[in-house]
Amino acid sequence: MFPNILVANNFGFAAADLFEISNPVEKENIKVSF
């Protein structure tokens, strides 16, 4: 958000990435029907 980005950039608050598997097929939990 502006002007928050000014503080973030000057004090080392870099953007963080999501923990998100990119392959749509692999996003699904392992189906265990054992």
PDB file of all heavy atoms in Angstrom:
ATOM      1  N   MET A   1       0.831  -1.209   0.000  1.00  0.00           N
ATOM      2  CA  MET A   1       0.000   0.000   0.000  1.00  0.00           C
ATOM      3  C   MET A   1       0.868   1.262   0.000  1.00  0.00           C
ATOM      4  O   MET A   1       1.931   1.303   0.619  1.00  0.00           O
ATOM      5  CB  MET A   1      -0.914   0.014   1.231  1.00  0.00           C
ATOM      6  CG  MET A   1      -2.060  -0.966   1.161  1.00  0.00           C
ATOM      7  SD  MET A   1      -3.074  -0.869   2.671  1.00  0.00           S
ATOM      8  CE  MET A   1      -4.403  -1.981   2.245  1.00  0.00           C
ATOM      9  N   PHE A   2       0.407   2.266  -0.727  1.00  0.00           N
ATOM     10  CA  PHE A   2       1.089   3.560  -0.693  1.00  0.00           C
ATOM     11  C   PHE A   2       0.456   4.413   0.412  1.00  0.00           C
ATOM     12  O   PHE A   2      -0.771   4.442   0.539  1.00  0.00           O
ATOM     13  CB  PHE A   2       0.947   4.267  -2.044  1.00  0.00           C
ATOM     14  CG  PHE A   2       1.708   5.554  -2.120  1.00  0.00           C
ATOM     15  CD1 PHE A   2       3.058   5.554  -2.433  1.00  0.00           C
ATOM     16  CD2 PHE A   2       1.076   6.761  -1.840  1.00  0.00           C
ATOM     17  CE1 PHE A   2       3.764   6.744  -2.488  1.00  0.00           C
ATOM     18  CE2 PHE A   2       1.781   7.950  -1.881  1.00  0.00           C
ATOM     19  CZ  PHE A   2       3.127   7.938  -2.208  1.00  0.00           C
ATOM     20  N   PRO A   3       1.272   5.074   1.244  1.00  0.00           N
ATOM     21  CA  PRO A   3       2.723   5.247   1.158  1.00  0.00           C
ATOM     22  C   PRO A   3       3.533   4.230   1.978  1.00  0.00           C
ATOM     23  O   PRO A   3       4.728   4.430   2.189  1.00  0.00           O
ATOM     24  CB  PRO A   3       2.924   6.657   1.696  1.00  0.00           C
ATOM     25  CG  PRO A   3       1.850   6.800   2.731  1.00  0.00           C
ATOM     26  CD  PRO A   3       0.674   6.001   2.233  1.00  0.00           C
ATOM     27  N   ASN A   4       2.892   3.152   2.465  1.00  0.00           N
ATOM     28  CA  ASN A   4       3.627   2.168   3.263  1.00  0.00           C
ATOM     29  C   ASN A   4       4.834   1.603   2.536  1.00  0.00           C
ATOM     30  O   ASN A   4       5.845   1.255   3.155  1.00  0.00           O
ATOM     31  CB  ASN A   4       2.709   1.010   3.651  1.00  0.00           C
ATOM     32  CG  ASN A   4       1.544   1.441   4.520  1.00  0.00           C
ATOM     33  OD1 ASN A   4       1.501   2.581   4.971  1.00  0.00           O
ATOM     34  ND2 ASN A   4       0.605   0.556   4.753  1.00  0.00           N
ATOM     35  N   ILE A   5       4.714   1.505   1.205  1.00  0.00           N
ATOM     36  CA  ILE A   5       5.794   0.939   0.396  1.00  0.00           C
ATOM     37  C   ILE A   5       7.092   1.727   0.564  1.00  0.00           C
ATOM     38  O   ILE A   5       8.192   1.180   0.441  1.00  0.00           O
ATOM     39  CB  ILE A   5       5.373   0.897  -1.099  1.00  0.00           C
ATOM     40  CG1 ILE A   5       6.374   0.098  -1.930  1.00  0.00           C
ATOM     41  CG2 ILE A   5       5.187   2.290  -1.649  1.00  0.00           C
ATOM     42  CD1 ILE A   5       6.378  -1.374  -1.656  1.00  0.00           C
ATOM     43  N   LEU A   6       6.985   3.009   0.873  1.00  0.00           N
ATOM     44  CA  LEU A   6       8.180   3.842   1.070  1.00  0.00           C
ATOM     45  C   LEU A   6       8.959   3.379   2.297  1.00  0.00           C
ATOM     46  O   LEU A   6      10.187   3.302   2.277  1.00  0.00           O
ATOM     47  CB  LEU A   6       7.781   5.318   1.206  1.00  0.00           C
ATOM     48  CG  LEU A   6       7.020   5.930   0.021  1.00  0.00           C
ATOM     49  CD1 LEU A   6       6.621   7.362   0.340  1.00  0.00           C
ATOM     50  CD2 LEU A   6       7.874   5.869  -1.241  1.00  0.00           C
ATOM     51  N   VAL A   7       8.243   3.084   3.364  1.00  0.00           N
ATOM     52  CA  VAL A   7       8.888   2.569   4.578  1.00  0.00           C
ATOM     53  C   VAL A   7       9.432   1.171   4.321  1.00  0.00           C
ATOM     54  O   VAL A   7      10.568   0.854   4.687  1.00  0.00           O
ATOM     55  CB  VAL A   7       7.889   2.536   5.747  1.00  0.00           C
ATOM     56  CG1 VAL A   7       8.524   1.888   6.983  1.00  0.00           C
ATOM     57  CG2 VAL A   7       7.414   3.946   6.087  1.00  0.00           C
ATOM     58  N   ALA A   8       8.623   0.330   3.659  1.00  0.00           N
ATOM     59  CA  ALA A   8       9.031  -1.053   3.396  1.00  0.00           C
ATOM     60  C   ALA A   8      10.326  -1.110   2.587  1.00  0.00           C
ATOM     61  O   ALA A   8      11.248  -1.862   2.925  1.00  0.00           O
ATOM     62  CB  ALA A   8       7.921  -1.788   2.658  1.00  0.00           C
ATOM     63  N   ASN A   9      10.400  -0.322   1.544  1.00  0.00           N
ATOM     64  CA  ASN A   9      11.582  -0.348   0.674  1.00  0.00           C
ATOM     65  C   ASN A   9      12.826   0.186   1.376  1.00  0.00           C
ATOM     66  O   ASN A   9      13.944  -0.268   1.109  1.00  0.00           O
ATOM     67  CB  ASN A   9      11.325   0.451  -0.594  1.00  0.00           C
ATOM     68  CG  ASN A   9      10.389  -0.270  -1.545  1.00  0.00           C
ATOM     69  OD1 ASN A   9      10.187  -1.480  -1.437  1.00  0.00           O
ATOM     70  ND2 ASN A   9       9.813   0.455  -2.493  1.00  0.00           N
ATOM     71  N   ASN A  10      12.634   1.143   2.250  1.00  0.00           N
ATOM     72  CA  ASN A  10      13.786   1.760   2.924  1.00  0.00           C
ATOM     73  C   ASN A  10      14.280   0.977   4.134  1.00  0.00           C
ATOM     74  O   ASN A  10      15.391   1.210   4.604  1.00  0.00           O
ATOM     75  CB  ASN A  10      13.449   3.192   3.340  1.00  0.00           C
ATOM     76  CG  ASN A  10      13.545   4.171   2.182  1.00  0.00           C
ATOM     77  OD1 ASN A  10      14.630   4.513   1.734  1.00  0.00           O
ATOM     78  ND2 ASN A  10      12.397   4.599   1.673  1.00  0.00           N
ATOM     79  N   PHE A  11      13.457   0.058   4.620  1.00  0.00           N
ATOM     80  CA  PHE A  11      13.853  -0.701   5.808  1.00  0.00           C
ATOM     81  C   PHE A  11      13.905  -2.209   5.567  1.00  0.00           C
ATOM     82  O   PHE A  11      13.878  -3.002   6.503  1.00  0.00           O
ATOM     83  CB  PHE A  11      12.918  -0.382   6.981  1.00  0.00           C
ATOM     84  CG  PHE A  11      13.096   1.007   7.531  1.00  0.00           C
ATOM     85  CD1 PHE A  11      12.310   2.056   7.081  1.00  0.00           C
ATOM     86  CD2 PHE A  11      14.081   1.269   8.474  1.00  0.00           C
ATOM     87  CE1 PHE A  11      12.477   3.333   7.579  1.00  0.00           C
ATOM     88  CE2 PHE A  11      14.257   2.539   8.978  1.00  0.00           C
ATOM     89  CZ  PHE A  11      13.460   3.593   8.529  1.00  0.00           C
ATOM     90  N   GLY A  12      14.001  -2.598   4.307  1.00  0.00           N
ATOM     91  CA  GLY A  12      14.262  -3.997   3.978  1.00  0.00           C
ATOM     92  C   GLY A  12      13.098  -4.954   4.141  1.00  0.00           C
ATOM     93  O   GLY A  12      13.317  -6.154   4.348  1.00  0.00           O
ATOM     94  N   PHE A  13      11.873  -4.455   4.024  1.00  0.00           N
ATOM     95  CA  PHE A  13      10.712  -5.345   4.094  1.00  0.00           C
ATOM     96  C   PHE A  13      10.367  -5.835   2.687  1.00  0.00           C
ATOM     97  O   PHE A  13       9.550  -5.240   1.987  1.00  0.00           O
ATOM     98  CB  PHE A  13       9.510  -4.626   4.711  1.00  0.00           C
ATOM     99  CG  PHE A  13       9.658  -4.345   6.174  1.00  0.00           C
ATOM    100  CD1 PHE A  13      10.112  -3.114   6.621  1.00  0.00           C
ATOM    101  CD2 PHE A  13       9.344  -5.319   7.111  1.00  0.00           C
ATOM    102  CE1 PHE A  13      10.248  -2.839   7.973  1.00  0.00           C
ATOM    103  CE2 PHE A  13       9.487  -5.062   8.479  1.00  0.00           C
ATOM    104  CZ  PHE A  13       9.944  -3.826   8.905  1.00  0.00           C
ATOM    105  N   ALA A  14      11.016  -6.904   2.273  1.00  0.00           N
ATOM    106  CA  ALA A  14      10.799  -7.436   0.927  1.00  0.00           C
ATOM    107  C   ALA A  14       9.499  -8.228   0.879  1.00  0.00           C
ATOM    108  O   ALA A  14       8.996  -8.703   1.895  1.00  0.00           O
ATOM    109  CB  ALA A  14      11.974  -8.329   0.524  1.00  0.00           C
ATOM    110  N   ALA A  15       8.953  -8.369  -0.325  1.00  0.00           N
ATOM    111  CA  ALA A  15       7.743  -9.173  -0.508  1.00  0.00           C
ATOM    112  C   ALA A  15       8.049 -10.633  -0.201  1.00  0.00           C
ATOM    113  O   ALA A  15       9.155 -11.120  -0.447  1.00  0.00           O
ATOM    114  CB  ALA A  15       7.234  -9.024  -1.936  1.00  0.00           C
ATOM    115  N   ALA A  16       7.058 -11.336   0.342  1.00  0.00           N
ATOM    116  CA  ALA A  16       7.204 -12.766   0.644  1.00  0.00           C
ATOM    117  C   ALA A  16       6.378 -13.568  -0.350  1.00  0.00           C
ATOM    118  O   ALA A  16       5.351 -13.100  -0.841  1.00  0.00           O
ATOM    119  CB  ALA A  16       6.745 -13.056   2.072  1.00  0.00           C
ATOM    120  N   ASP A  17       6.837 -14.781  -0.656  1.00  0.00           N
ATOM    121  CA  ASP A  17       6.123 -15.654  -1.587  1.00  0.00           C
ATOM    122  C   ASP A  17       5.194 -16.604  -0.852  1.00  0.00           C
ATOM    123  O   ASP A  17       5.467 -17.013   0.285  1.00  0.00           O
ATOM    124  CB  ASP A  17       7.116 -16.482  -2.419  1.00  0.00           C
ATOM    125  CG  ASP A  17       7.499 -15.769  -3.706  1.00  0.00           C
ATOM    126  OD1 ASP A  17       7.200 -14.565  -3.820  1.00  0.00           O
ATOM    127  OD2 ASP A  17       8.099 -16.410  -4.585  1.00  0.00           O
ATOM    128  N   LEU A  18       4.109 -16.960  -1.516  1.00  0.00           N
ATOM    129  CA  LEU A  18       3.187 -17.940  -0.977  1.00  0.00           C
ATOM    130  C   LEU A  18       3.790 -19.341  -1.072  1.00  0.00           C
ATOM    131  O   LEU A  18       4.638 -19.604  -1.927  1.00  0.00           O
ATOM    132  CB  LEU A  18       1.867 -17.917  -1.750  1.00  0.00           C
ATOM    133  CG  LEU A  18       1.091 -16.597  -1.745  1.00  0.00           C
ATOM    134  CD1 LEU A  18      -0.125 -16.731  -2.651  1.00  0.00           C
ATOM    135  CD2 LEU A  18       0.667 -16.222  -0.342  1.00  0.00           C
ATOM    136  N   PHE A  19       3.357 -20.223  -0.189  1.00  0.00           N
ATOM    137  CA  PHE A  19       3.718 -21.636  -0.273  1.00  0.00           C
ATOM    138  C   PHE A  19       2.629 -22.282  -1.120  1.00  0.00           C
ATOM    139  O   PHE A  19       1.619 -22.751  -0.619  1.00  0.00           O
ATOM    140  CB  PHE A  19       3.772 -22.248   1.117  1.00  0.00           C
ATOM    141  CG  PHE A  19       4.225 -23.690   1.145  1.00  0.00           C
ATOM    142  CD1 PHE A  19       4.718 -24.321   0.017  1.00  0.00           C
ATOM    143  CD2 PHE A  19       4.169 -24.414   2.318  1.00  0.00           C
ATOM    144  CE1 PHE A  19       5.136 -25.643   0.046  1.00  0.00           C
ATOM    145  CE2 PHE A  19       4.585 -25.737   2.373  1.00  0.00           C
ATOM    146  CZ  PHE A  19       5.067 -26.354   1.233  1.00  0.00           C
ATOM    147  N   GLU A  20       2.837 -22.261  -2.421  1.00  0.00           N
ATOM    148  CA  GLU A  20       1.790 -22.661  -3.347  1.00  0.00           C
ATOM    149  C   GLU A  20       2.390 -23.485  -4.477  1.00  0.00           C
ATOM    150  O   GLU A  20       3.135 -22.971  -5.316  1.00  0.00           O
ATOM    151  CB  GLU A  20       1.100 -21.416  -3.912  1.00  0.00           C
ATOM    152  CG  GLU A  20      -0.137 -21.685  -4.714  1.00  0.00           C
ATOM    153  CD  GLU A  20      -0.863 -20.397  -5.070  1.00  0.00           C
ATOM    154  OE1 GLU A  20      -0.204 -19.483  -5.601  1.00  0.00           O
ATOM    155  OE2 GLU A  20      -2.064 -20.314  -4.807  1.00  0.00           O
ATOM    156  N   ILE A  21       2.057 -24.754  -4.519  1.00  0.00           N
ATOM    157  CA  ILE A  21       2.566 -25.642  -5.560  1.00  0.00           C
ATOM    158  C   ILE A  21       1.998 -25.193  -6.895  1.00  0.00           C
ATOM    159  O   ILE A  21       0.799 -24.982  -7.031  1.00  0.00           O
ATOM    160  CB  ILE A  21       2.197 -27.107  -5.259  1.00  0.00           C
ATOM    161  CG1 ILE A  21       2.832 -27.528  -3.927  1.00  0.00           C
ATOM    162  CG2 ILE A  21       2.654 -28.031  -6.367  1.00  0.00           C
ATOM    163  CD1 ILE A  21       2.375 -28.866  -3.410  1.00  0.00           C
ATOM    164  N   SER A  22       2.883 -25.046  -7.893  1.00  0.00           N
ATOM    165  CA  SER A  22       2.483 -24.434  -9.155  1.00  0.00           C
ATOM    166  C   SER A  22       1.688 -25.358 -10.066  1.00  0.00           C
ATOM    167  O   SER A  22       0.804 -24.918 -10.791  1.00  0.00           O
ATOM    168  CB  SER A  22       3.731 -23.929  -9.904  1.00  0.00           C
ATOM    169  OG  SER A  22       4.648 -24.979 -10.107  1.00  0.00           O
ATOM    170  N   ASN A  23       1.982 -26.663 -10.050  1.00  0.00           N
ATOM    171  CA  ASN A  23       1.300 -27.609 -10.925  1.00  0.00           C
ATOM    172  C   ASN A  23      -0.105 -27.890 -10.387  1.00  0.00           C
ATOM    173  O   ASN A  23      -0.244 -28.393  -9.277  1.00  0.00           O
ATOM    174  CB  ASN A  23       2.102 -28.912 -11.011  1.00  0.00           C
ATOM    175  CG  ASN A  23       1.549 -29.855 -12.069  1.00  0.00           C
ATOM    176  OD1 ASN A  23       0.354 -29.898 -12.323  1.00  0.00           O
ATOM    177  ND2 ASN A  23       2.425 -30.616 -12.685  1.00  0.00           N
ATOM    178  N   PRO A  24      -1.163 -27.581 -11.149  1.00  0.00           N
ATOM    179  CA  PRO A  24      -2.533 -27.783 -10.654  1.00  0.00           C
ATOM    180  C   PRO A  24      -2.807 -29.211 -10.201  1.00  0.00           C
ATOM    181  O   PRO A  24      -3.531 -29.433  -9.241  1.00  0.00           O
ATOM    182  CB  PRO A  24      -3.400 -27.422 -11.875  1.00  0.00           C
ATOM    183  CG  PRO A  24      -2.548 -26.531 -12.698  1.00  0.00           C
ATOM    184  CD  PRO A  24      -1.135 -27.030 -12.495  1.00  0.00           C
ATOM    185  N   VAL A  25      -2.226 -30.195 -10.891  1.00  0.00           N
ATOM    186  CA  VAL A  25      -2.431 -31.594 -10.526  1.00  0.00           C
ATOM    187  C   VAL A  25      -1.788 -31.888  -9.175  1.00  0.00           C
ATOM    188  O   VAL A  25      -2.337 -32.594  -8.330  1.00  0.00           O
ATOM    189  CB  VAL A  25      -1.855 -32.533 -11.603  1.00  0.00           C
ATOM    190  CG1 VAL A  25      -1.979 -33.994 -11.159  1.00  0.00           C
ATOM    191  CG2 VAL A  25      -2.577 -32.330 -12.932  1.00  0.00           C
ATOM    192  N   GLU A  26      -0.611 -31.308  -8.949  1.00  0.00           N
ATOM    193  CA  GLU A  26       0.142 -31.587  -7.732  1.00  0.00           C
ATOM    194  C   GLU A  26      -0.345 -30.774  -6.544  1.00  0.00           C
ATOM    195  O   GLU A  26       0.081 -31.008  -5.412  1.00  0.00           O
ATOM    196  CB  GLU A  26       1.632 -31.326  -7.981  1.00  0.00           C
ATOM    197  CG  GLU A  26       2.232 -32.311  -8.985  1.00  0.00           C
ATOM    198  CD  GLU A  26       3.619 -31.892  -9.460  1.00  0.00           C
ATOM    199  OE1 GLU A  26       4.016 -30.744  -9.201  1.00  0.00           O
ATOM    200  OE2 GLU A  26       4.290 -32.716 -10.103  1.00  0.00           O
ATOM    201  N   LYS A  27      -1.239 -29.805  -6.784  1.00  0.00           N
ATOM    202  CA  LYS A  27      -1.788 -29.023  -5.682  1.00  0.00           C
ATOM    203  C   LYS A  27      -2.682 -29.863  -4.786  1.00  0.00           C
ATOM    204  O   LYS A  27      -2.834 -29.577  -3.606  1.00  0.00           O
ATOM    205  CB  LYS A  27      -2.600 -27.833  -6.227  1.00  0.00           C
ATOM    206  CG  LYS A  27      -1.760 -26.657  -6.689  1.00  0.00           C
ATOM    207  CD  LYS A  27      -2.676 -25.526  -7.124  1.00  0.00           C
ATOM    208  CE  LYS A  27      -1.859 -24.324  -7.572  1.00  0.00           C
ATOM    209  NZ  LYS A  27      -2.721 -23.196  -7.977  1.00  0.00           N
ATOM    210  N   GLU A  28      -3.280 -30.889  -5.360  1.00  0.00           N
ATOM    211  CA  GLU A  28      -4.198 -31.714  -4.597  1.00  0.00           C
ATOM    212  C   GLU A  28      -3.458 -32.534  -3.558  1.00  0.00           C
ATOM    213  O   GLU A  28      -2.346 -33.004  -3.805  1.00  0.00           O
ATOM    214  CB  GLU A  28      -4.961 -32.654  -5.538  1.00  0.00           C
ATOM    215  CG  GLU A  28      -5.784 -31.931  -6.593  1.00  0.00           C
ATOM    216  CD  GLU A  28      -6.893 -31.090  -6.013  1.00  0.00           C
ATOM    217  OE1 GLU A  28      -7.425 -31.500  -4.965  1.00  0.00           O
ATOM    218  OE2 GLU A  28      -7.204 -30.033  -6.577  1.00  0.00           O
ATOM    219  N   ASN A  29      -4.077 -32.706  -2.401  1.00  0.00           N
ATOM    220  CA  ASN A  29      -3.491 -33.576  -1.394  1.00  0.00           C
ATOM    221  C   ASN A  29      -3.412 -35.002  -1.930  1.00  0.00           C
ATOM    222  O   ASN A  29      -4.224 -35.422  -2.753  1.00  0.00           O
ATOM    223  CB  ASN A  29      -4.338 -33.569  -0.123  1.00  0.00           C
ATOM    224  CG  ASN A  29      -4.195 -32.270   0.639  1.00  0.00           C
ATOM    225  OD1 ASN A  29      -3.308 -31.489   0.366  1.00  0.00           O
ATOM    226  ND2 ASN A  29      -5.088 -32.038   1.565  1.00  0.00           N
ATOM    227  N   ILE A  30      -2.461 -35.758  -1.425  1.00  0.00           N
ATOM    228  CA  ILE A  30      -2.331 -37.158  -1.819  1.00  0.00           C
ATOM    229  C   ILE A  30      -3.581 -37.911  -1.381  1.00  0.00           C
ATOM    230  O   ILE A  30      -3.981 -37.836  -0.223  1.00  0.00           O
ATOM    231  CB  ILE A  30      -1.080 -37.784  -1.195  1.00  0.00           C
ATOM    232  CG1 ILE A  30       0.159 -37.042  -1.697  1.00  0.00           C
ATOM    233  CG2 ILE A  30      -0.979 -39.259  -1.522  1.00  0.00           C
ATOM    234  CD1 ILE A  30       1.409 -37.376  -0.938  1.00  0.00           C
ATOM    235  N   LYS A  31      -4.196 -38.591  -2.305  1.00  0.00           N
ATOM    236  CA  LYS A  31      -5.411 -39.350  -1.977  1.00  0.00           C
ATOM    237  C   LYS A  31      -5.015 -40.698  -1.410  1.00  0.00           C
ATOM    238  O   LYS A  31      -4.512 -41.553  -2.113  1.00  0.00           O
ATOM    239  CB  LYS A  31      -6.265 -39.543  -3.238  1.00  0.00           C
ATOM    240  CG  LYS A  31      -6.725 -38.219  -3.878  1.00  0.00           C
ATOM    241  CD  LYS A  31      -7.614 -37.435  -2.932  1.00  0.00           C
ATOM    242  CE  LYS A  31      -8.230 -36.228  -3.600  1.00  0.00           C
ATOM    243  NZ  LYS A  31      -7.265 -35.218  -4.019  1.00  0.00           N
ATOM    244  N   VAL A  32      -5.196 -40.880  -0.119  1.00  0.00           N
ATOM    245  CA  VAL A  32      -4.858 -42.142   0.546  1.00  0.00           C
ATOM    246  C   VAL A  32      -6.149 -42.890   0.857  1.00  0.00           C
ATOM    247  O   VAL A  32      -6.871 -42.554   1.778  1.00  0.00           O
ATOM    248  CB  VAL A  32      -4.064 -41.883   1.843  1.00  0.00           C
ATOM    249  CG1 VAL A  32      -3.735 -43.207   2.529  1.00  0.00           C
ATOM    250  CG2 VAL A  32      -2.797 -41.110   1.562  1.00  0.00           C
ATOM    251  N   SER A  33      -6.416 -43.907   0.048  1.00  0.00           N
ATOM    252  CA  SER A  33      -7.607 -44.738   0.281  1.00  0.00           C
ATOM    253  C   SER A  33      -7.155 -46.164   0.529  1.00  0.00           C
ATOM    254  O   SER A  33      -7.723 -47.116   0.027  1.00  0.00           O
ATOM    255  CB  SER A  33      -8.526 -44.681  -0.963  1.00  0.00           C
ATOM    256  OG  SER A  33      -7.826 -45.120  -2.111  1.00  0.00           O
ATOM    257  N   PHE A  34      -6.120 -46.284   1.299  1.00  0.00           N
ATOM    258  CA  PHE A  34      -5.457 -47.558   1.527  1.00  0.00           C
ATOM    259  C   PHE A  34      -6.110 -48.258   2.704  1.00  0.00           C
ATOM    260  O   PHE A  34      -5.986 -47.832   3.833  1.00  0.00           O
ATOM    261  CB  PHE A  34      -3.984 -47.262   1.842  1.00  0.00           C
ATOM    262  CG  PHE A  34      -3.038 -48.389   1.529  1.00  0.00           C
ATOM    263  CD1 PHE A  34      -2.743 -48.691   0.225  1.00  0.00           C
ATOM    264  CD2 PHE A  34      -2.449 -49.118   2.532  1.00  0.00           C
ATOM    265  CE1 PHE A  34      -1.848 -49.701  -0.076  1.00  0.00           C
ATOM    266  CE2 PHE A  34      -1.569 -50.149   2.254  1.00  0.00           C
ATOM    267  CZ  PHE A  34      -1.263 -50.441   0.933  1.00  0.00           C
TER     268      PHE A  34
END
